[in-house]
Amino acid sequence: MSAGIARASHVIAAACLLGATAATVMQQAVAPARVIWPALLPLVLIGLLLLAVDRHRSRLWVGAYLVLGAALAYLYAAICLVQVPVLTTSGAWVFTMLKVALVMSGAVGVRPVGAILPPIAGYVLGEASMGLAAVETGKPVGLDITAALAAVLVVVVAVATTLSRPAARNAQPALHRAARDERIAELRSQVEARAAALLHDTVLSDLAAIASAPTGRIAPGLAERLTGDLEVIIGQDWSDTPSQGPSPDTGEWAASGLAQAVEDGRALGLDVTVSGDPSSLAALSRSVDDMLGLAVRQLLVNVHKHSGEREAEVVVYAGAGMVSVMVIDAGRGFDEAATARDRFGLRTSVRSRIESVGGRVQVWSAPGRGTSVLLQVPDESAVEVAPAPTGNDSVPSGDQR
């Protein structure tokens, strides 16, 4: 959410800078005798700073954007006020757009202060730079209500986002389970459609053939057809449960580290359901597969020891160059930020392993709301693995989330 708000702010800032650039070019075209074109240089430099902020989104870059942007805005205003005598800093919308561009510096991090301070600082610095340019050029100084409203809007959005974040975090496990249930319903519907088609193509037509056959022994050709259709029906995999994974004949599932992790979880007494597309694990290198299996095994150990539940869901799917595995339980949940620093289960056995192969981990949990952990690893055939925590990779007995 923080990244989305920052990106939206940057889009608005870029639009304001483009508008100011267009207005400057038009003013130069209308009055070619005036030297207004040097004002384009500060706009270009502010645009480059905005691009850097959008790519890096750190406190350092946001601070540089605000401070250097304010200095460049002063330079722009000074040039325009000197070359276009009718302009004032409080009445010209081109100056308003430049102030709004400073206000829309974007949120930094997930803490409220990182979302509230930058727009306020952008408004203050924008007004100060424009005011200073007005004083030095002998123009009246006035506050810009539009830029102030833009800053207030950003602050309100940041506060609303902060207030809604706990509720969104608590709802995540339920949303993931709902998505899984929807997928299971979709698979069940596909099985039913396939069964109906096969029923129509075999059983009904065979019954019609038997009914129209003459009394007595069935003709050899019809008997052979009935036998073939019966073999098709008996040999058809009608299972509509996603827990079986890919066909054992492929060897993809049984040979994976995730399959071993699931078996270890079941050995602990957990009812582990596997859904999605386990065959996508075949795209992983051996080292990545091993790390993924060890991380999932630790998560299942956590479910067994801490969730208070005996059921867990493991969802596997692939896309965008990544293989994703989600481990879900409906247990008591926990607050990751409140977990003691001397507990290494999630931090070392899970995060360090996945990050060592270029992957990432996301956790959604709250007390009483269950836990969903998403592991994503790259599906390249060869990934250089950094040294990962070794320790005792057997099923731990006293680790914590």
Protein backbone atom coordinates (compact mmCIF):
# COMPACT_ATOMS: atom_id res chain seq x y z
CA MET A 1 0.00 0.00 0.00
CA SER A 2 2.84 2.35 0.85
CA ALA A 3 4.55 1.62 -2.46
CA GLY A 4 1.28 2.12 -4.34
CA ILE A 5 0.67 5.51 -2.75
CA ALA A 6 4.25 6.54 -3.52
CA ARG A 7 3.93 5.50 -7.15
CA ALA A 8 0.62 7.38 -7.53
CA SER A 9 2.23 10.48 -6.00
CA HIS A 10 5.11 10.26 -8.43
CA VAL A 11 2.74 9.99 -11.39
CA ILE A 12 0.94 13.15 -10.24
CA ALA A 13 4.28 14.94 -9.75
CA ALA A 14 5.43 13.91 -13.22
CA ALA A 15 2.18 15.20 -14.73
CA CYS A 16 2.66 18.54 -12.94
CA LEU A 17 6.23 18.84 -14.22
CA LEU A 18 5.09 18.06 -17.76
CA GLY A 19 2.37 20.69 -17.44
CA ALA A 20 4.86 23.27 -16.22
CA THR A 21 7.20 22.38 -19.08
CA ALA A 22 4.41 22.75 -21.64
CA ALA A 23 3.39 26.12 -20.17
CA THR A 24 6.99 27.36 -20.28
CA VAL A 25 7.42 26.30 -23.91
CA MET A 26 4.14 27.97 -24.86
CA GLN A 27 5.10 31.19 -23.08
CA GLN A 28 8.42 31.27 -24.89
CA ALA A 29 6.62 30.68 -28.20
CA VAL A 30 4.15 33.51 -27.49
CA ALA A 31 6.91 35.94 -26.49
CA PRO A 32 10.04 34.95 -28.44
CA ALA A 33 11.80 38.18 -27.51
CA ARG A 34 11.93 37.15 -23.84
CA VAL A 35 14.54 34.71 -22.57
CA ILE A 36 12.31 32.18 -20.79
CA TRP A 37 13.80 28.93 -22.15
CA PRO A 38 16.55 28.64 -19.42
CA ALA A 39 13.70 27.91 -16.98
CA LEU A 40 13.33 24.52 -18.67
CA LEU A 41 16.62 23.32 -17.18
CA PRO A 42 15.38 23.36 -13.54
CA LEU A 43 12.27 21.43 -14.62
CA VAL A 44 14.39 18.77 -16.32
CA LEU A 45 16.62 18.41 -13.25
CA ILE A 46 13.59 18.09 -10.95
CA GLY A 47 12.24 15.41 -13.27
CA LEU A 48 15.50 13.46 -13.02
CA LEU A 49 15.37 13.71 -9.23
CA LEU A 50 11.79 12.42 -9.29
CA LEU A 51 12.87 9.47 -11.41
CA ALA A 52 15.61 8.64 -8.91
CA VAL A 53 13.14 8.82 -6.02
CA ASP A 54 10.70 6.55 -7.84
CA ARG A 55 13.37 3.94 -8.46
CA HIS A 56 15.02 3.98 -5.03
CA ARG A 57 12.31 5.34 -2.66
CA SER A 58 14.61 5.95 0.28
CA ARG A 59 14.77 8.74 2.86
CA LEU A 60 18.03 9.97 1.32
CA TRP A 61 16.57 10.36 -2.16
CA VAL A 62 13.33 11.89 -0.92
CA GLY A 63 15.32 14.40 1.11
CA ALA A 64 17.48 15.23 -1.90
CA TYR A 65 14.38 15.63 -4.06
CA LEU A 66 12.79 18.05 -1.59
CA VAL A 67 15.87 20.17 -0.86
CA LEU A 68 17.33 20.27 -4.38
CA GLY A 69 13.86 20.47 -5.89
CA ALA A 70 13.06 23.53 -3.78
CA ALA A 71 16.29 25.19 -4.88
CA LEU A 72 15.53 24.44 -8.51
CA ALA A 73 11.95 25.68 -8.07
CA TYR A 74 13.37 28.97 -6.75
CA LEU A 75 15.57 29.24 -9.85
CA TYR A 76 12.63 28.50 -12.13
CA ALA A 77 10.39 31.05 -10.40
CA ALA A 78 13.10 33.73 -10.46
CA ILE A 79 13.61 33.33 -14.21
CA CYS A 80 9.89 33.37 -14.99
CA LEU A 81 9.10 36.31 -12.68
CA VAL A 82 11.86 38.41 -14.25
CA GLN A 83 11.04 37.54 -17.85
CA VAL A 84 7.22 37.62 -17.51
CA PRO A 85 6.34 40.70 -15.42
CA VAL A 86 2.61 39.84 -15.17
CA LEU A 87 3.30 36.61 -13.27
CA THR A 88 2.94 36.33 -9.49
CA THR A 89 3.79 33.38 -7.31
CA SER A 90 0.30 33.19 -5.79
CA GLY A 91 -1.75 33.59 -8.96
CA ALA A 92 0.06 31.60 -11.64
CA TRP A 93 -1.00 27.95 -11.94
CA VAL A 94 2.40 27.02 -13.37
CA PHE A 95 3.94 27.76 -9.96
CA THR A 96 1.15 25.80 -8.27
CA MET A 97 2.02 22.74 -10.34
CA LEU A 98 5.63 23.03 -9.31
CA LYS A 99 4.64 23.18 -5.62
CA VAL A 100 2.33 20.18 -6.02
CA ALA A 101 5.20 18.27 -7.65
CA LEU A 102 7.24 18.85 -4.48
CA VAL A 103 4.30 17.82 -2.28
CA MET A 104 3.96 14.53 -4.21
CA SER A 105 7.37 13.23 -3.18
CA GLY A 106 5.88 9.87 -2.17
CA ALA A 107 5.66 7.83 1.01
CA VAL A 108 8.83 6.32 2.48
CA GLY A 109 8.43 3.02 4.35
CA VAL A 110 5.32 1.85 6.17
CA ARG A 111 5.47 4.07 9.25
CA PRO A 112 3.11 7.07 9.41
CA VAL A 113 5.95 9.57 9.80
CA GLY A 114 7.41 8.43 6.46
CA ALA A 115 4.14 9.24 4.71
CA ILE A 116 3.20 12.46 6.51
CA LEU A 117 6.45 14.42 6.77
CA PRO A 118 7.50 14.45 3.05
CA PRO A 119 4.33 16.16 1.70
CA ILE A 120 4.34 18.70 4.51
CA ALA A 121 8.04 19.42 3.95
CA GLY A 122 7.42 19.67 0.20
CA TYR A 123 4.68 22.25 0.69
CA VAL A 124 6.73 24.32 3.15
CA LEU A 125 9.85 24.26 0.97
CA GLY A 126 7.83 25.03 -2.16
CA GLU A 127 6.15 28.05 -0.57
CA ALA A 128 9.48 29.22 0.87
CA SER A 129 11.34 28.97 -2.45
CA MET A 130 8.55 30.71 -4.39
CA GLY A 131 8.21 33.37 -1.70
CA LEU A 132 11.94 34.07 -1.75
CA ALA A 133 11.86 34.41 -5.53
CA ALA A 134 8.91 36.80 -5.27
CA VAL A 135 10.65 38.96 -2.66
CA GLU A 136 13.84 39.21 -4.71
CA THR A 137 11.91 40.19 -7.84
CA GLY A 138 9.62 42.65 -6.07
CA LYS A 139 6.43 40.61 -6.51
CA PRO A 140 3.70 40.10 -3.88
CA VAL A 141 3.92 37.03 -1.69
CA GLY A 142 0.85 34.93 -0.90
CA LEU A 143 0.02 31.39 0.20
CA ASP A 144 -1.10 28.91 -2.45
CA ILE A 145 -4.37 27.30 -1.31
CA THR A 146 -4.32 24.64 -4.04
CA ALA A 147 -0.88 23.35 -3.05
CA ALA A 148 -1.93 23.40 0.61
CA LEU A 149 -5.01 21.30 -0.21
CA ALA A 150 -2.80 18.84 -2.10
CA ALA A 151 -0.59 18.44 0.97
CA VAL A 152 -3.65 17.94 3.20
CA LEU A 153 -5.01 15.31 0.80
CA VAL A 154 -1.77 13.33 0.91
CA VAL A 155 -1.66 13.49 4.71
CA VAL A 156 -5.29 12.33 4.99
CA VAL A 157 -4.60 9.38 2.67
CA ALA A 158 -1.50 8.46 4.70
CA VAL A 159 -3.41 8.57 8.01
CA ALA A 160 -6.31 6.55 6.57
CA THR A 161 -3.88 3.96 5.23
CA THR A 162 -2.18 3.67 8.60
CA LEU A 163 -5.49 3.20 10.40
CA SER A 164 -6.69 0.54 7.94
CA ARG A 165 -3.44 -1.44 7.85
CA PRO A 166 -4.17 -3.65 10.92
CA ALA A 167 -7.56 -4.64 9.55
CA ALA A 168 -6.05 -5.44 6.16
CA ARG A 169 -3.31 -7.53 7.78
CA ASN A 170 -5.87 -9.46 9.82
CA ALA A 171 -7.98 -10.15 6.74
CA GLN A 172 -5.13 -11.56 4.62
CA PRO A 173 -5.25 -15.19 5.86
CA ALA A 174 -9.00 -15.35 5.31
CA LEU A 175 -8.59 -13.91 1.82
CA HIS A 176 -5.98 -16.52 0.92
CA ARG A 177 -8.21 -19.33 2.17
CA ALA A 178 -11.13 -17.89 0.23
CA ALA A 179 -8.99 -17.79 -2.94
CA ARG A 180 -7.99 -21.41 -2.39
CA ASP A 181 -11.61 -22.46 -1.86
CA GLU A 182 -12.57 -20.69 -5.05
CA ARG A 183 -9.83 -22.53 -6.93
CA ILE A 184 -10.99 -25.87 -5.51
CA ALA A 185 -14.56 -25.08 -6.60
CA GLU A 186 -13.27 -24.26 -10.08
CA LEU A 187 -11.36 -27.56 -10.28
CA ARG A 188 -14.41 -29.46 -9.05
CA SER A 189 -16.52 -27.78 -11.73
CA GLN A 190 -14.01 -28.81 -14.39
CA VAL A 191 -14.09 -32.42 -13.16
CA GLU A 192 -17.88 -32.45 -13.23
CA ALA A 193 -17.91 -31.04 -16.79
CA ARG A 194 -15.39 -33.68 -17.89
CA ALA A 195 -17.44 -36.42 -16.23
CA ALA A 196 -20.63 -35.22 -17.93
CA ALA A 197 -18.92 -35.22 -21.32
CA LEU A 198 -17.51 -38.71 -20.79
CA LEU A 199 -20.89 -39.96 -19.58
CA HIS A 200 -22.52 -38.65 -22.75
CA ASP A 201 -19.83 -40.08 -25.04
CA THR A 202 -19.73 -43.57 -23.48
CA VAL A 203 -22.45 -44.68 -21.10
CA LEU A 204 -25.46 -43.11 -22.81
CA SER A 205 -24.39 -44.11 -26.29
CA ASP A 206 -23.55 -47.63 -25.09
CA LEU A 207 -26.95 -47.99 -23.43
CA ALA A 208 -28.60 -46.79 -26.64
CA ALA A 209 -26.58 -49.37 -28.62
CA ILE A 210 -27.58 -52.17 -26.23
CA ALA A 211 -31.23 -51.15 -26.38
CA SER A 212 -31.24 -51.24 -30.18
CA ALA A 213 -29.29 -54.51 -30.43
CA PRO A 214 -31.24 -57.69 -31.30
CA THR A 215 -32.20 -60.12 -28.58
CA GLY A 216 -29.57 -62.69 -27.71
CA ARG A 217 -25.82 -62.63 -27.42
CA ILE A 218 -24.19 -59.21 -27.93
CA ALA A 219 -22.31 -58.88 -31.18
CA PRO A 220 -18.49 -59.12 -30.84
CA GLY A 221 -17.98 -55.60 -32.19
CA LEU A 222 -20.42 -54.10 -29.67
CA ALA A 223 -18.93 -56.14 -26.84
CA GLU A 224 -15.46 -54.90 -27.71
CA ARG A 225 -16.70 -51.32 -27.76
CA LEU A 226 -18.41 -51.71 -24.37
CA THR A 227 -15.25 -53.23 -22.90
CA GLY A 228 -13.14 -50.35 -24.21
CA ASP A 229 -15.53 -47.74 -22.84
CA LEU A 230 -15.59 -49.48 -19.47
CA GLU A 231 -11.80 -49.43 -19.32
CA VAL A 232 -11.83 -45.71 -20.09
CA ILE A 233 -14.29 -45.04 -17.25
CA ILE A 234 -12.44 -47.22 -14.73
CA GLY A 235 -9.04 -45.80 -15.71
CA GLN A 236 -10.20 -42.18 -15.55
CA ASP A 237 -8.85 -40.18 -12.58
CA TRP A 238 -12.03 -38.74 -11.08
CA SER A 239 -10.36 -37.28 -8.02
CA ASP A 240 -11.48 -33.72 -7.42
CA THR A 241 -9.31 -33.18 -4.38
CA PRO A 242 -6.19 -31.07 -5.01
CA SER A 243 -4.16 -32.77 -2.32
CA GLN A 244 -2.81 -35.53 -4.56
CA GLY A 245 -0.37 -33.37 -6.51
CA PRO A 246 0.95 -34.44 -9.92
CA SER A 247 0.91 -37.97 -11.17
CA PRO A 248 3.44 -40.23 -9.39
CA ASP A 249 4.50 -41.47 -12.81
CA THR A 250 6.22 -38.16 -13.56
CA GLY A 251 8.38 -38.33 -10.45
CA GLU A 252 8.36 -34.52 -10.25
CA TRP A 253 6.45 -34.30 -6.97
CA ALA A 254 7.97 -37.27 -5.14
CA ALA A 255 11.50 -36.12 -5.96
CA SER A 256 11.00 -32.56 -4.69
CA GLY A 257 12.10 -31.16 -1.37
CA LEU A 258 8.58 -29.84 -0.86
CA ALA A 259 7.15 -33.38 -1.06
CA GLN A 260 9.55 -34.48 1.66
CA ALA A 261 8.59 -31.45 3.77
CA VAL A 262 4.91 -32.33 3.43
CA GLU A 263 5.60 -35.93 4.44
CA ASP A 264 7.57 -34.71 7.46
CA GLY A 265 4.65 -32.48 8.40
CA ARG A 266 2.24 -35.37 8.14
CA ALA A 267 4.59 -37.47 10.26
CA LEU A 268 4.15 -34.85 12.97
CA GLY A 269 0.41 -35.48 12.90
CA LEU A 270 -0.63 -32.61 10.63
CA ASP A 271 -3.31 -32.98 7.98
CA VAL A 272 -1.45 -31.24 5.13
CA THR A 273 -3.39 -30.43 1.97
CA VAL A 274 -1.44 -29.65 -1.21
CA SER A 275 -3.11 -27.74 -4.03
CA GLY A 276 -2.27 -25.67 -7.08
CA ASP A 277 0.36 -26.84 -9.57
CA PRO A 278 3.05 -28.92 -7.82
CA SER A 279 4.48 -29.89 -11.21
CA SER A 280 5.87 -26.34 -11.50
CA LEU A 281 8.54 -27.39 -8.98
CA ALA A 282 10.28 -29.15 -11.86
CA ALA A 283 11.48 -25.72 -13.06
CA LEU A 284 13.62 -25.24 -9.93
CA SER A 285 17.29 -26.09 -9.66
CA ARG A 286 18.27 -28.76 -7.16
CA SER A 287 19.74 -26.25 -4.70
CA VAL A 288 16.71 -23.95 -4.82
CA ASP A 289 14.37 -26.92 -4.42
CA ASP A 290 16.29 -28.10 -1.36
CA MET A 291 16.15 -24.66 0.28
CA LEU A 292 12.44 -24.35 -0.47
CA GLY A 293 11.72 -27.77 1.03
CA LEU A 294 13.65 -27.01 4.22
CA ALA A 295 11.87 -23.67 4.62
CA VAL A 296 8.42 -25.25 4.18
CA ARG A 297 9.32 -27.99 6.63
CA GLN A 298 10.14 -25.35 9.25
CA LEU A 299 6.82 -23.62 8.58
CA LEU A 300 4.94 -26.88 9.08
CA VAL A 301 6.85 -27.46 12.30
CA ASN A 302 5.70 -24.00 13.40
CA VAL A 303 2.11 -24.91 12.56
CA HIS A 304 2.42 -28.09 14.62
CA LYS A 305 4.00 -26.41 17.64
CA HIS A 306 2.37 -22.99 17.77
CA SER A 307 -0.84 -22.72 15.76
CA GLY A 308 -3.06 -24.96 17.87
CA GLU A 309 -4.37 -26.47 14.63
CA ARG A 310 -3.84 -29.85 13.03
CA GLU A 311 -4.58 -28.75 9.49
CA ALA A 312 -2.37 -26.84 7.09
CA GLU A 313 -2.64 -25.91 3.44
CA VAL A 314 0.28 -25.78 0.99
CA VAL A 315 -0.48 -24.01 -2.29
CA VAL A 316 1.98 -24.15 -5.20
CA TYR A 317 1.81 -22.03 -8.34
CA ALA A 318 4.15 -20.43 -10.86
CA GLY A 319 4.24 -17.19 -12.81
CA ALA A 320 6.35 -14.15 -13.70
CA GLY A 321 9.57 -16.13 -13.47
CA MET A 322 8.87 -17.25 -9.90
CA VAL A 323 7.60 -20.40 -8.19
CA SER A 324 5.42 -19.51 -5.22
CA VAL A 325 4.51 -21.68 -2.25
CA MET A 326 2.02 -20.51 0.35
CA VAL A 327 1.62 -22.24 3.71
CA ILE A 328 -1.68 -21.41 5.41
CA ASP A 329 -3.15 -22.34 8.77
CA ALA A 330 -6.22 -21.14 10.63
CA GLY A 331 -4.56 -21.23 14.03
CA ARG A 332 -3.98 -18.68 16.74
CA GLY A 333 -1.61 -16.53 14.68
CA PHE A 334 1.13 -14.28 16.04
CA ASP A 335 2.66 -10.83 15.80
CA GLU A 336 5.97 -11.16 13.97
CA ALA A 337 7.21 -7.81 15.28
CA ALA A 338 6.70 -9.01 18.86
CA THR A 339 8.62 -12.27 18.34
CA ALA A 340 11.70 -12.50 20.56
CA ARG A 341 14.99 -11.86 18.77
CA ASP A 342 16.46 -15.10 20.10
CA ARG A 343 13.89 -17.19 18.20
CA PHE A 344 15.29 -18.21 14.85
CA GLY A 345 12.63 -20.42 13.20
CA LEU A 346 11.08 -17.91 10.81
CA ARG A 347 14.03 -15.53 10.72
CA THR A 348 16.82 -18.02 10.01
CA SER A 349 15.33 -21.33 8.91
CA VAL A 350 12.87 -19.67 6.54
CA ARG A 351 13.84 -16.13 5.55
CA SER A 352 17.61 -16.67 5.32
CA ARG A 353 17.23 -19.81 3.25
CA ILE A 354 14.79 -18.30 0.77
CA GLU A 355 16.72 -15.03 0.46
CA SER A 356 19.97 -16.96 -0.07
CA VAL A 357 18.59 -18.26 -3.38
CA GLY A 358 17.27 -14.89 -4.52
CA GLY A 359 13.73 -15.37 -3.22
CA ARG A 360 11.53 -13.44 -0.83
CA VAL A 361 9.18 -14.16 2.06
CA GLN A 362 5.94 -12.43 3.05
CA VAL A 363 4.03 -13.13 6.25
CA TRP A 364 0.42 -12.27 7.01
CA SER A 365 -0.62 -13.07 10.56
CA ALA A 366 -2.29 -11.59 13.60
CA PRO A 367 -3.23 -13.06 16.99
CA GLY A 368 -6.37 -15.14 16.58
CA ARG A 369 -6.43 -14.70 12.79
CA GLY A 370 -4.31 -17.56 11.49
CA THR A 371 -1.11 -17.31 9.48
CA SER A 372 -0.26 -17.21 5.78
CA VAL A 373 3.37 -17.34 4.67
CA LEU A 374 4.28 -16.81 1.01
CA LEU A 375 7.62 -18.10 -0.28
CA GLN A 376 8.73 -17.05 -3.76
CA VAL A 377 11.88 -18.36 -5.45
CA PRO A 378 13.19 -17.78 -9.00
CA ASP A 379 12.58 -20.59 -11.46
CA GLU A 380 15.85 -20.23 -13.38
CA SER A 381 17.63 -23.49 -14.03
CA ALA A 382 20.81 -22.30 -12.31
CA VAL A 383 20.92 -20.01 -9.30
CA GLU A 384 24.08 -19.25 -7.33
CA VAL A 385 23.29 -20.06 -3.74
CA ALA A 386 24.81 -17.94 -1.01
CA PRO A 387 25.92 -19.67 2.19
CA ALA A 388 22.80 -20.47 4.16
CA PRO A 389 22.35 -21.32 7.80
CA THR A 390 23.25 -24.93 8.32
CA GLY A 391 22.75 -25.93 11.89
CA ASN A 392 20.58 -28.97 12.43
CA ASP A 393 18.31 -29.31 9.41
CA SER A 394 16.38 -32.12 10.99
CA VAL A 395 12.91 -31.35 12.29
CA PRO A 396 13.57 -29.02 15.23
CA SER A 397 11.94 -29.59 18.57
CA GLY A 398 12.03 -26.18 20.23
CA ASP A 399 12.18 -23.55 17.48
CA GLN A 400 9.82 -20.64 17.39
CA ARG A 401 8.31 -18.49 14.72
